[in-house]
Amino acid sequence: VSVSADSNGLAEDLVEAGRRYTEKVAITQVVPVPNSPSPAVARYREA
């Protein structure tokens, strides 16, 4: 479990390494997942 690591950077490095490297990896974050249906996140995606 990584504390607030950049989600894109972490995912890209592990996916590039191979599927097994993405297993059993979680992160804590101070924001919802970016495809959340919440109004603010929807506006963020549009912007």
All heavy atoms as atom14 arrays in JSON, in Angstrom:
{
  "sequence": "VSVSADSNGLAEDLVEAGRRYTEKVAITQVVPVPNSPSPAVARYREA",
  "atom14_mask": [
    [1, 1, 1, 1, 1, 1, 1, 0, 0, 0, 0, 0, 0, 0],
    [1, 1, 1, 1, 1, 1, 0, 0, 0, 0, 0, 0, 0, 0],
    [1, 1, 1, 1, 1, 1, 1, 0, 0, 0, 0, 0, 0, 0],
    [1, 1, 1, 1, 1, 1, 0, 0, 0, 0, 0, 0, 0, 0],
    [1, 1, 1, 1, 1, 0, 0, 0, 0, 0, 0, 0, 0, 0],
    [1, 1, 1, 1, 1, 1, 1, 1, 0, 0, 0, 0, 0, 0],
    [1, 1, 1, 1, 1, 1, 0, 0, 0, 0, 0, 0, 0, 0],
    [1, 1, 1, 1, 1, 1, 1, 1, 0, 0, 0, 0, 0, 0],
    [1, 1, 1, 1, 0, 0, 0, 0, 0, 0, 0, 0, 0, 0],
    [1, 1, 1, 1, 1, 1, 1, 1, 0, 0, 0, 0, 0, 0],
    [1, 1, 1, 1, 1, 0, 0, 0, 0, 0, 0, 0, 0, 0],
    [1, 1, 1, 1, 1, 1, 1, 1, 1, 0, 0, 0, 0, 0],
    [1, 1, 1, 1, 1, 1, 1, 1, 0, 0, 0, 0, 0, 0],
    [1, 1, 1, 1, 1, 1, 1, 1, 0, 0, 0, 0, 0, 0],
    [1, 1, 1, 1, 1, 1, 1, 0, 0, 0, 0, 0, 0, 0],
    [1, 1, 1, 1, 1, 1, 1, 1, 1, 0, 0, 0, 0, 0],
    [1, 1, 1, 1, 1, 0, 0, 0, 0, 0, 0, 0, 0, 0],
    [1, 1, 1, 1, 0, 0, 0, 0, 0, 0, 0, 0, 0, 0],
    [1, 1, 1, 1, 1, 1, 1, 1, 1, 1, 1, 0, 0, 0],
    [1, 1, 1, 1, 1, 1, 1, 1, 1, 1, 1, 0, 0, 0],
    [1, 1, 1, 1, 1, 1, 1, 1, 1, 1, 1, 1, 0, 0],
    [1, 1, 1, 1, 1, 1, 1, 0, 0, 0, 0, 0, 0, 0],
    [1, 1, 1, 1, 1, 1, 1, 1, 1, 0, 0, 0, 0, 0],
    [1, 1, 1, 1, 1, 1, 1, 1, 1, 0, 0, 0, 0, 0],
    [1, 1, 1, 1, 1, 1, 1, 0, 0, 0, 0, 0, 0, 0],
    [1, 1, 1, 1, 1, 0, 0, 0, 0, 0, 0, 0, 0, 0],
    [1, 1, 1, 1, 1, 1, 1, 1, 0, 0, 0, 0, 0, 0],
    [1, 1, 1, 1, 1, 1, 1, 0, 0, 0, 0, 0, 0, 0],
    [1, 1, 1, 1, 1, 1, 1, 1, 1, 0, 0, 0, 0, 0],
    [1, 1, 1, 1, 1, 1, 1, 0, 0, 0, 0, 0, 0, 0],
    [1, 1, 1, 1, 1, 1, 1, 0, 0, 0, 0, 0, 0, 0],
    [1, 1, 1, 1, 1, 1, 1, 0, 0, 0, 0, 0, 0, 0],
    [1, 1, 1, 1, 1, 1, 1, 0, 0, 0, 0, 0, 0, 0],
    [1, 1, 1, 1, 1, 1, 1, 0, 0, 0, 0, 0, 0, 0],
    [1, 1, 1, 1, 1, 1, 1, 1, 0, 0, 0, 0, 0, 0],
    [1, 1, 1, 1, 1, 1, 0, 0, 0, 0, 0, 0, 0, 0],
    [1, 1, 1, 1, 1, 1, 1, 0, 0, 0, 0, 0, 0, 0],
    [1, 1, 1, 1, 1, 1, 0, 0, 0, 0, 0, 0, 0, 0],
    [1, 1, 1, 1, 1, 1, 1, 0, 0, 0, 0, 0, 0, 0],
    [1, 1, 1, 1, 1, 0, 0, 0, 0, 0, 0, 0, 0, 0],
    [1, 1, 1, 1, 1, 1, 1, 0, 0, 0, 0, 0, 0, 0],
    [1, 1, 1, 1, 1, 0, 0, 0, 0, 0, 0, 0, 0, 0],
    [1, 1, 1, 1, 1, 1, 1, 1, 1, 1, 1, 0, 0, 0],
    [1, 1, 1, 1, 1, 1, 1, 1, 1, 1, 1, 1, 0, 0],
    [1, 1, 1, 1, 1, 1, 1, 1, 1, 1, 1, 0, 0, 0],
    [1, 1, 1, 1, 1, 1, 1, 1, 1, 0, 0, 0, 0, 0],
    [1, 1, 1, 1, 1, 0, 0, 0, 0, 0, 0, 0, 0, 0]
  ],
  "atom14_positions": [
    [[0.86, -1.19, 0.0], [0.0, 0.0, 0.0], [0.89, 1.23, 0.0], [1.65, 1.45, 0.94], [-0.95, 0.05, 1.22], [-1.84, 1.3, 1.12], [-1.81, -1.2, 1.29], [0.0, 0.0, 0.0], [0.0, 0.0, 0.0], [0.0, 0.0, 0.0], [0.0, 0.0, 0.0], [0.0, 0.0, 0.0], [0.0, 0.0, 0.0], [0.0, 0.0, 0.0]],
    [[0.82, 2.01, -1.06], [1.62, 3.23, -1.16], [0.8, 4.42, -0.7], [-0.37, 4.55, -1.07], [2.09, 3.44, -2.61], [2.97, 4.53, -2.68], [0.0, 0.0, 0.0], [0.0, 0.0, 0.0], [0.0, 0.0, 0.0], [0.0, 0.0, 0.0], [0.0, 0.0, 0.0], [0.0, 0.0, 0.0], [0.0, 0.0, 0.0], [0.0, 0.0, 0.0]],
    [[1.4, 5.25, 0.12], [0.71, 6.41, 0.66], [0.83, 7.58, -0.31], [1.89, 8.16, -0.48], [1.29, 6.79, 2.04], [0.73, 8.12, 2.52], [1.0, 5.68, 3.05], [0.0, 0.0, 0.0], [0.0, 0.0, 0.0], [0.0, 0.0, 0.0], [0.0, 0.0, 0.0], [0.0, 0.0, 0.0], [0.0, 0.0, 0.0], [0.0, 0.0, 0.0]],
    [[-0.27, 7.85, -1.01], [-0.41, 9.04, -1.86], [0.63, 9.17, -2.96], [0.99, 10.26, -3.35], [-0.36, 10.3, -0.98], [-1.22, 11.3, -1.51], [0.0, 0.0, 0.0], [0.0, 0.0, 0.0], [0.0, 0.0, 0.0], [0.0, 0.0, 0.0], [0.0, 0.0, 0.0], [0.0, 0.0, 0.0], [0.0, 0.0, 0.0], [0.0, 0.0, 0.0]],
    [[1.13, 8.05, -3.49], [2.02, 8.12, -4.65], [1.23, 8.57, -5.87], [0.02, 8.37, -5.95], [2.65, 6.76, -4.92], [0.0, 0.0, 0.0], [0.0, 0.0, 0.0], [0.0, 0.0, 0.0], [0.0, 0.0, 0.0], [0.0, 0.0, 0.0], [0.0, 0.0, 0.0], [0.0, 0.0, 0.0], [0.0, 0.0, 0.0], [0.0, 0.0, 0.0]],
    [[1.92, 9.2, -6.83], [1.25, 9.6, -8.06], [0.68, 8.38, -8.76], [1.4, 7.43, -9.09], [2.23, 10.33, -8.98], [1.57, 10.76, -10.28], [0.83, 11.76, -10.24], [1.77, 10.08, -11.3], [0.0, 0.0, 0.0], [0.0, 0.0, 0.0], [0.0, 0.0, 0.0], [0.0, 0.0, 0.0], [0.0, 0.0, 0.0], [0.0, 0.0, 0.0]],
    [[-0.6, 8.36, -8.97], [-1.27, 7.16, -9.48], [-0.83, 6.8, -10.89], [-0.64, 5.62, -11.2], [-2.79, 7.37, -9.46], [-3.18, 8.46, -10.28], [0.0, 0.0, 0.0], [0.0, 0.0, 0.0], [0.0, 0.0, 0.0], [0.0, 0.0, 0.0], [0.0, 0.0, 0.0], [0.0, 0.0, 0.0], [0.0, 0.0, 0.0], [0.0, 0.0, 0.0]],
    [[-0.67, 7.79, -11.76], [-0.27, 7.5, -13.14], [1.15, 6.97, -13.22], [1.43, 5.99, -13.92], [-0.4, 8.75, -14.01], [-1.85, 9.14, -14.26], [-2.76, 8.37, -13.98], [-2.06, 10.34, -14.77], [0.0, 0.0, 0.0], [0.0, 0.0, 0.0], [0.0, 0.0, 0.0], [0.0, 0.0, 0.0], [0.0, 0.0, 0.0], [0.0, 0.0, 0.0]],
    [[2.07, 7.63, -12.52], [3.46, 7.2, -12.56], [3.64, 5.8, -12.02], [4.33, 4.97, -12.63], [0.0, 0.0, 0.0], [0.0, 0.0, 0.0], [0.0, 0.0, 0.0], [0.0, 0.0, 0.0], [0.0, 0.0, 0.0], [0.0, 0.0, 0.0], [0.0, 0.0, 0.0], [0.0, 0.0, 0.0], [0.0, 0.0, 0.0], [0.0, 0.0, 0.0]],
    [[3.01, 5.49, -10.9], [3.11, 4.16, -10.31], [2.52, 3.1, -11.24], [3.13, 2.06, -11.49], [2.39, 4.13, -8.96], [2.46, 2.82, -8.18], [3.89, 2.54, -7.73], [1.52, 2.86, -6.98], [0.0, 0.0, 0.0], [0.0, 0.0, 0.0], [0.0, 0.0, 0.0], [0.0, 0.0, 0.0], [0.0, 0.0, 0.0], [0.0, 0.0, 0.0]],
    [[1.34, 3.36, -11.76], [0.68, 2.39, -12.63], [1.49, 2.14, -13.89], [1.66, 0.98, -14.31], [-0.72, 2.89, -13.0], [0.0, 0.0, 0.0], [0.0, 0.0, 0.0], [0.0, 0.0, 0.0], [0.0, 0.0, 0.0], [0.0, 0.0, 0.0], [0.0, 0.0, 0.0], [0.0, 0.0, 0.0], [0.0, 0.0, 0.0], [0.0, 0.0, 0.0]],
    [[1.98, 3.18, -14.52], [2.72, 3.01, -15.78], [3.99, 2.18, -15.58], [4.31, 1.3, -16.38], [3.04, 4.37, -16.38], [1.79, 5.06, -16.94], [2.01, 6.51, -17.28], [3.19, 6.95, -17.23], [1.04, 7.2, -17.59], [0.0, 0.0, 0.0], [0.0, 0.0, 0.0], [0.0, 0.0, 0.0], [0.0, 0.0, 0.0], [0.0, 0.0, 0.0]],
    [[4.72, 2.44, -14.5], [5.94, 1.67, -14.24], [5.64, 0.2, -13.98], [6.34, -0.69, -14.47], [6.69, 2.26, -13.05], [7.47, 3.52, -13.4], [7.34, 3.99, -14.55], [8.2, 4.02, -12.53], [0.0, 0.0, 0.0], [0.0, 0.0, 0.0], [0.0, 0.0, 0.0], [0.0, 0.0, 0.0], [0.0, 0.0, 0.0], [0.0, 0.0, 0.0]],
    [[4.58, -0.09, -13.24], [4.27, -1.48, -12.91], [3.65, -2.22, -14.09], [3.95, -3.4, -14.32], [3.35, -1.53, -11.69], [3.97, -1.01, -10.39], [2.98, -1.11, -9.24], [5.25, -1.76, -10.05], [0.0, 0.0, 0.0], [0.0, 0.0, 0.0], [0.0, 0.0, 0.0], [0.0, 0.0, 0.0], [0.0, 0.0, 0.0], [0.0, 0.0, 0.0]],
    [[2.79, -1.57, -14.84], [2.22, -2.21, -16.03], [3.31, -2.53, -17.04], [3.31, -3.61, -17.65], [1.13, -1.31, -16.66], [0.72, -1.84, -18.03], [-0.09, -1.24, -15.74], [0.0, 0.0, 0.0], [0.0, 0.0, 0.0], [0.0, 0.0, 0.0], [0.0, 0.0, 0.0], [0.0, 0.0, 0.0], [0.0, 0.0, 0.0], [0.0, 0.0, 0.0]],
    [[4.24, -1.61, -17.21], [5.35, -1.84, -18.14], [6.2, -3.04, -17.71], [6.7, -3.8, -18.53], [6.22, -0.59, -18.23], [7.36, -0.71, -19.24], [8.19, 0.55, -19.33], [7.75, 1.59, -18.8], [9.27, 0.51, -19.94], [0.0, 0.0, 0.0], [0.0, 0.0, 0.0], [0.0, 0.0, 0.0], [0.0, 0.0, 0.0], [0.0, 0.0, 0.0]],
    [[6.33, -3.24, -16.41], [7.12, -4.36, -15.89], [6.44, -5.7, -16.15], [7.11, -6.72, -16.29], [7.36, -4.18, -14.39], [0.0, 0.0, 0.0], [0.0, 0.0, 0.0], [0.0, 0.0, 0.0], [0.0, 0.0, 0.0], [0.0, 0.0, 0.0], [0.0, 0.0, 0.0], [0.0, 0.0, 0.0], [0.0, 0.0, 0.0], [0.0, 0.0, 0.0]],
    [[5.12, -5.72, -16.2], [4.39, -6.97, -16.46], [3.21, -7.13, -15.54], [3.15, -6.56, -14.44], [0.0, 0.0, 0.0], [0.0, 0.0, 0.0], [0.0, 0.0, 0.0], [0.0, 0.0, 0.0], [0.0, 0.0, 0.0], [0.0, 0.0, 0.0], [0.0, 0.0, 0.0], [0.0, 0.0, 0.0], [0.0, 0.0, 0.0], [0.0, 0.0, 0.0]],
    [[2.26, -7.94, -15.97], [0.99, -8.07, -15.26], [1.17, -8.45, -13.79], [0.49, -7.92, -12.91], [0.12, -9.12, -15.97], [-1.25, -9.3, -15.35], [-2.03, -10.43, -16.03], [-3.33, -10.61, -15.43], [-4.44, -10.04, -15.86], [-4.4, -9.23, -16.91], [-5.6, -10.26, -15.26], [0.0, 0.0, 0.0], [0.0, 0.0, 0.0], [0.0, 0.0, 0.0]],
    [[2.08, -9.37, -13.48], [2.2, -9.83, -12.1], [2.65, -8.73, -11.15], [2.42, -8.8, -9.95], [3.14, -11.03, -12.01], [4.63, -10.73, -12.18], [5.43, -12.03, -12.15], [6.87, -11.83, -12.25], [7.68, -11.79, -11.19], [7.17, -11.92, -9.97], [8.99, -11.63, -11.35], [0.0, 0.0, 0.0], [0.0, 0.0, 0.0], [0.0, 0.0, 0.0]],
    [[3.29, -7.69, -11.69], [3.76, -6.61, -10.84], [2.63, -5.68, -10.4], [2.81, -4.86, -9.5], [4.85, -5.82, -11.56], [6.08, -6.65, -11.85], [6.25, -7.28, -13.08], [7.05, -6.84, -10.87], [7.37, -8.06, -13.35], [8.18, -7.62, -11.12], [8.33, -8.23, -12.36], [9.43, -9.01, -12.6], [0.0, 0.0, 0.0], [0.0, 0.0, 0.0]],
    [[1.47, -5.78, -11.03], [0.33, -4.95, -10.64], [-0.52, -5.62, -9.57], [-1.45, -4.99, -9.05], [-0.56, -4.65, -11.86], [-1.15, -5.88, -12.33], [0.23, -4.01, -12.99], [0.0, 0.0, 0.0], [0.0, 0.0, 0.0], [0.0, 0.0, 0.0], [0.0, 0.0, 0.0], [0.0, 0.0, 0.0], [0.0, 0.0, 0.0], [0.0, 0.0, 0.0]],
    [[-0.23, -6.85, -9.24], [-1.06, -7.59, -8.28], [-0.77, -7.18, -6.84], [0.37, -6.95, -6.46], [-0.84, -9.1, -8.45], [-1.28, -9.62, -9.81], [-0.86, -11.07, -10.05], [-0.12, -11.62, -9.19], [-1.24, -11.63, -11.09], [0.0, 0.0, 0.0], [0.0, 0.0, 0.0], [0.0, 0.0, 0.0], [0.0, 0.0, 0.0], [0.0, 0.0, 0.0]],
    [[-1.82, -7.09, -6.05], [-1.73, -6.77, -4.62], [-1.02, -5.44, -4.37], [-0.14, -5.34, -3.53], [-1.08, -7.91, -3.84], [-1.85, -9.22, -3.93], [-1.52, -10.18, -2.81], [-0.11, -10.68, -2.87], [0.16, -11.73, -1.84], [0.0, 0.0, 0.0], [0.0, 0.0, 0.0], [0.0, 0.0, 0.0], [0.0, 0.0, 0.0], [0.0, 0.0, 0.0]],
    [[-1.42, -4.42, -5.15], [-0.88, -3.07, -4.98], [-2.05, -2.09, -4.84], [-2.94, -2.04, -5.69], [-0.01, -2.65, -6.19], [0.47, -1.21, -6.01], [1.17, -3.59, -6.35], [0.0, 0.0, 0.0], [0.0, 0.0, 0.0], [0.0, 0.0, 0.0], [0.0, 0.0, 0.0], [0.0, 0.0, 0.0], [0.0, 0.0, 0.0], [0.0, 0.0, 0.0]],
    [[-2.06, -1.35, -3.75], [-3.08, -0.34, -3.51], [-2.41, 0.97, -3.14], [-1.23, 1.01, -2.79], [-4.04, -0.78, -2.41], [0.0, 0.0, 0.0], [0.0, 0.0, 0.0], [0.0, 0.0, 0.0], [0.0, 0.0, 0.0], [0.0, 0.0, 0.0], [0.0, 0.0, 0.0], [0.0, 0.0, 0.0], [0.0, 0.0, 0.0], [0.0, 0.0, 0.0]],
    [[-3.18, 2.06, -3.2], [-2.68, 3.36, -2.77], [-3.77, 4.07, -1.97], [-4.97, 3.85, -2.19], [-2.23, 4.26, -3.95], [-3.34, 4.37, -5.01], [-0.96, 3.74, -4.57], [-2.96, 5.29, -6.17], [0.0, 0.0, 0.0], [0.0, 0.0, 0.0], [0.0, 0.0, 0.0], [0.0, 0.0, 0.0], [0.0, 0.0, 0.0], [0.0, 0.0, 0.0]],
    [[-3.34, 4.88, -1.01], [-4.27, 5.82, -0.39], [-4.16, 7.13, -1.15], [-3.1, 7.48, -1.65], [-3.95, 6.05, 1.1], [-2.65, 6.65, 1.23], [-3.98, 4.73, 1.87], [0.0, 0.0, 0.0], [0.0, 0.0, 0.0], [0.0, 0.0, 0.0], [0.0, 0.0, 0.0], [0.0, 0.0, 0.0], [0.0, 0.0, 0.0], [0.0, 0.0, 0.0]],
    [[-5.28, 7.85, -1.22], [-5.32, 9.11, -1.95], [-6.19, 10.12, -1.22], [-7.05, 9.76, -0.41], [-5.86, 8.92, -3.37], [-4.93, 8.18, -4.31], [-3.66, 8.94, -4.64], [-3.5, 10.1, -4.25], [-2.75, 8.31, -5.35], [0.0, 0.0, 0.0], [0.0, 0.0, 0.0], [0.0, 0.0, 0.0], [0.0, 0.0, 0.0], [0.0, 0.0, 0.0]],
    [[-5.98, 11.4, -1.54], [-6.76, 12.47, -0.92], [-7.88, 12.96, -1.84], [-8.5, 13.98, -1.57], [-5.85, 13.64, -0.5], [-4.82, 13.17, 0.52], [-5.15, 14.25, -1.73], [0.0, 0.0, 0.0], [0.0, 0.0, 0.0], [0.0, 0.0, 0.0], [0.0, 0.0, 0.0], [0.0, 0.0, 0.0], [0.0, 0.0, 0.0], [0.0, 0.0, 0.0]],
    [[-8.13, 12.21, -2.91], [-9.18, 12.54, -3.87], [-9.85, 11.24, -4.31], [-9.28, 10.15, -4.18], [-8.63, 13.26, -5.12], [-8.14, 14.66, -4.77], [-7.51, 12.45, -5.78], [0.0, 0.0, 0.0], [0.0, 0.0, 0.0], [0.0, 0.0, 0.0], [0.0, 0.0, 0.0], [0.0, 0.0, 0.0], [0.0, 0.0, 0.0], [0.0, 0.0, 0.0]],
    [[-11.08, 11.33, -4.83], [-11.72, 10.13, -5.38], [-11.02, 9.66, -6.65], [-10.2, 10.37, -7.22], [-13.14, 10.62, -5.72], [-13.3, 11.95, -5.07], [-11.93, 12.53, -4.95], [0.0, 0.0, 0.0], [0.0, 0.0, 0.0], [0.0, 0.0, 0.0], [0.0, 0.0, 0.0], [0.0, 0.0, 0.0], [0.0, 0.0, 0.0], [0.0, 0.0, 0.0]],
    [[-11.37, 8.45, -7.08], [-10.88, 7.95, -8.36], [-11.33, 8.91, -9.47], [-12.46, 9.41, -9.46], [-11.42, 6.52, -8.63], [-11.19, 6.09, -10.06], [-10.75, 5.53, -7.68], [0.0, 0.0, 0.0], [0.0, 0.0, 0.0], [0.0, 0.0, 0.0], [0.0, 0.0, 0.0], [0.0, 0.0, 0.0], [0.0, 0.0, 0.0], [0.0, 0.0, 0.0]],
    [[-10.45, 9.2, -10.45], [-10.76, 10.24, -11.44], [-11.91, 9.96, -12.39], [-12.28, 10.86, -13.16], [-9.45, 10.39, -12.22], [-8.4, 9.97, -11.27], [-9.03, 8.83, -10.52], [0.0, 0.0, 0.0], [0.0, 0.0, 0.0], [0.0, 0.0, 0.0], [0.0, 0.0, 0.0], [0.0, 0.0, 0.0], [0.0, 0.0, 0.0], [0.0, 0.0, 0.0]],
    [[-12.48, 8.76, -12.4], [-13.7, 8.59, -13.22], [-14.93, 8.52, -12.33], [-15.98, 8.06, -12.75], [-13.6, 7.37, -14.14], [-13.69, 6.05, -13.38], [-13.49, 6.02, -12.16], [-13.97, 4.97, -14.09], [0.0, 0.0, 0.0], [0.0, 0.0, 0.0], [0.0, 0.0, 0.0], [0.0, 0.0, 0.0], [0.0, 0.0, 0.0], [0.0, 0.0, 0.0]],
    [[-14.82, 9.05, -11.13], [-15.96, 9.17, -10.23], [-17.07, 9.97, -10.9], [-16.8, 10.93, -11.63], [-15.52, 9.88, -8.95], [-16.64, 10.34, -8.22], [0.0, 0.0, 0.0], [0.0, 0.0, 0.0], [0.0, 0.0, 0.0], [0.0, 0.0, 0.0], [0.0, 0.0, 0.0], [0.0, 0.0, 0.0], [0.0, 0.0, 0.0], [0.0, 0.0, 0.0]],
    [[-18.33, 9.61, -10.66], [-19.44, 10.38, -11.23], [-19.74, 11.67, -10.48], [-20.66, 12.4, -10.84], [-20.62, 9.4, -11.13], [-20.3, 8.56, -9.93], [-18.79, 8.41, -9.94], [0.0, 0.0, 0.0], [0.0, 0.0, 0.0], [0.0, 0.0, 0.0], [0.0, 0.0, 0.0], [0.0, 0.0, 0.0], [0.0, 0.0, 0.0], [0.0, 0.0, 0.0]],
    [[-18.99, 11.99, -9.43], [-19.27, 13.2, -8.65], [-19.15, 14.44, -9.53], [-18.35, 14.46, -10.48], [-18.32, 13.3, -7.46], [-17.0, 13.57, -7.89], [0.0, 0.0, 0.0], [0.0, 0.0, 0.0], [0.0, 0.0, 0.0], [0.0, 0.0, 0.0], [0.0, 0.0, 0.0], [0.0, 0.0, 0.0], [0.0, 0.0, 0.0], [0.0, 0.0, 0.0]],
    [[-19.95, 15.47, -9.26], [-19.97, 16.66, -10.12], [-18.61, 17.31, -10.31], [-18.25, 17.7, -11.43], [-20.94, 17.6, -9.39], [-21.81, 16.7, -8.58], [-20.93, 15.56, -8.16], [0.0, 0.0, 0.0], [0.0, 0.0, 0.0], [0.0, 0.0, 0.0], [0.0, 0.0, 0.0], [0.0, 0.0, 0.0], [0.0, 0.0, 0.0], [0.0, 0.0, 0.0]],
    [[-17.83, 17.46, -9.25], [-16.54, 18.13, -9.37], [-15.59, 17.34, -10.24], [-14.85, 17.91, -11.05], [-15.92, 18.33, -7.98], [0.0, 0.0, 0.0], [0.0, 0.0, 0.0], [0.0, 0.0, 0.0], [0.0, 0.0, 0.0], [0.0, 0.0, 0.0], [0.0, 0.0, 0.0], [0.0, 0.0, 0.0], [0.0, 0.0, 0.0], [0.0, 0.0, 0.0]],
    [[-15.59, 16.02, -10.09], [-14.67, 15.19, -10.86], [-15.08, 15.17, -12.33], [-14.23, 15.13, -13.23], [-14.57, 13.78, -10.28], [-13.57, 12.94, -11.06], [-14.15, 13.83, -8.81], [0.0, 0.0, 0.0], [0.0, 0.0, 0.0], [0.0, 0.0, 0.0], [0.0, 0.0, 0.0], [0.0, 0.0, 0.0], [0.0, 0.0, 0.0], [0.0, 0.0, 0.0]],
    [[-16.37, 15.23, -12.6], [-16.84, 15.32, -13.98], [-16.37, 16.62, -14.62], [-15.92, 16.64, -15.78], [-18.36, 15.23, -14.02], [0.0, 0.0, 0.0], [0.0, 0.0, 0.0], [0.0, 0.0, 0.0], [0.0, 0.0, 0.0], [0.0, 0.0, 0.0], [0.0, 0.0, 0.0], [0.0, 0.0, 0.0], [0.0, 0.0, 0.0], [0.0, 0.0, 0.0]],
    [[-16.45, 17.73, -13.87], [-15.97, 19.02, -14.4], [-14.45, 18.98, -14.62], [-13.94, 19.56, -15.58], [-16.33, 20.16, -13.43], [-17.83, 20.42, -13.32], [-18.12, 21.78, -12.7], [-17.49, 21.95, -11.39], [-18.05, 21.57, -10.24], [-19.23, 20.96, -10.24], [-17.42, 21.78, -9.09], [0.0, 0.0, 0.0], [0.0, 0.0, 0.0], [0.0, 0.0, 0.0]],
    [[-13.75, 18.33, -13.71], [-12.3, 18.16, -13.85], [-11.94, 17.44, -15.14], [-11.06, 17.87, -15.88], [-11.78, 17.39, -12.64], [-10.53, 16.58, -12.87], [-9.27, 17.18, -12.92], [-10.6, 15.19, -13.02], [-8.12, 16.42, -13.11], [-9.47, 14.43, -13.21], [-8.23, 15.05, -13.26], [-7.09, 14.29, -13.45], [0.0, 0.0, 0.0], [0.0, 0.0, 0.0]],
    [[-12.65, 16.34, -15.44], [-12.35, 15.59, -16.66], [-12.6, 16.44, -17.89], [-11.83, 16.41, -18.86], [-13.19, 14.31, -16.71], [-12.81, 13.28, -15.66], [-13.44, 11.93, -15.96], [-14.89, 11.99, -16.0], [-15.69, 11.74, -14.96], [-15.15, 11.42, -13.79], [-17.0, 11.8, -15.08], [0.0, 0.0, 0.0], [0.0, 0.0, 0.0], [0.0, 0.0, 0.0]],
    [[-13.68, 17.2, -17.88], [-13.99, 18.08, -19.01], [-12.91, 19.14, -19.19], [-12.47, 19.4, -20.31], [-15.34, 18.75, -18.78], [-16.54, 17.78, -18.82], [-17.83, 18.44, -18.38], [-17.79, 19.66, -18.08], [-18.87, 17.75, -18.33], [0.0, 0.0, 0.0], [0.0, 0.0, 0.0], [0.0, 0.0, 0.0], [0.0, 0.0, 0.0], [0.0, 0.0, 0.0]],
    [[-12.48, 19.75, -18.08], [-11.46, 20.79, -18.15], [-10.13, 20.23, -18.62], [-9.43, 20.85, -19.42], [-11.29, 21.46, -16.77], [0.0, 0.0, 0.0], [0.0, 0.0, 0.0], [0.0, 0.0, 0.0], [0.0, 0.0, 0.0], [0.0, 0.0, 0.0], [0.0, 0.0, 0.0], [0.0, 0.0, 0.0], [0.0, 0.0, 0.0], [0.0, 0.0, 0.0]]
  ]
}
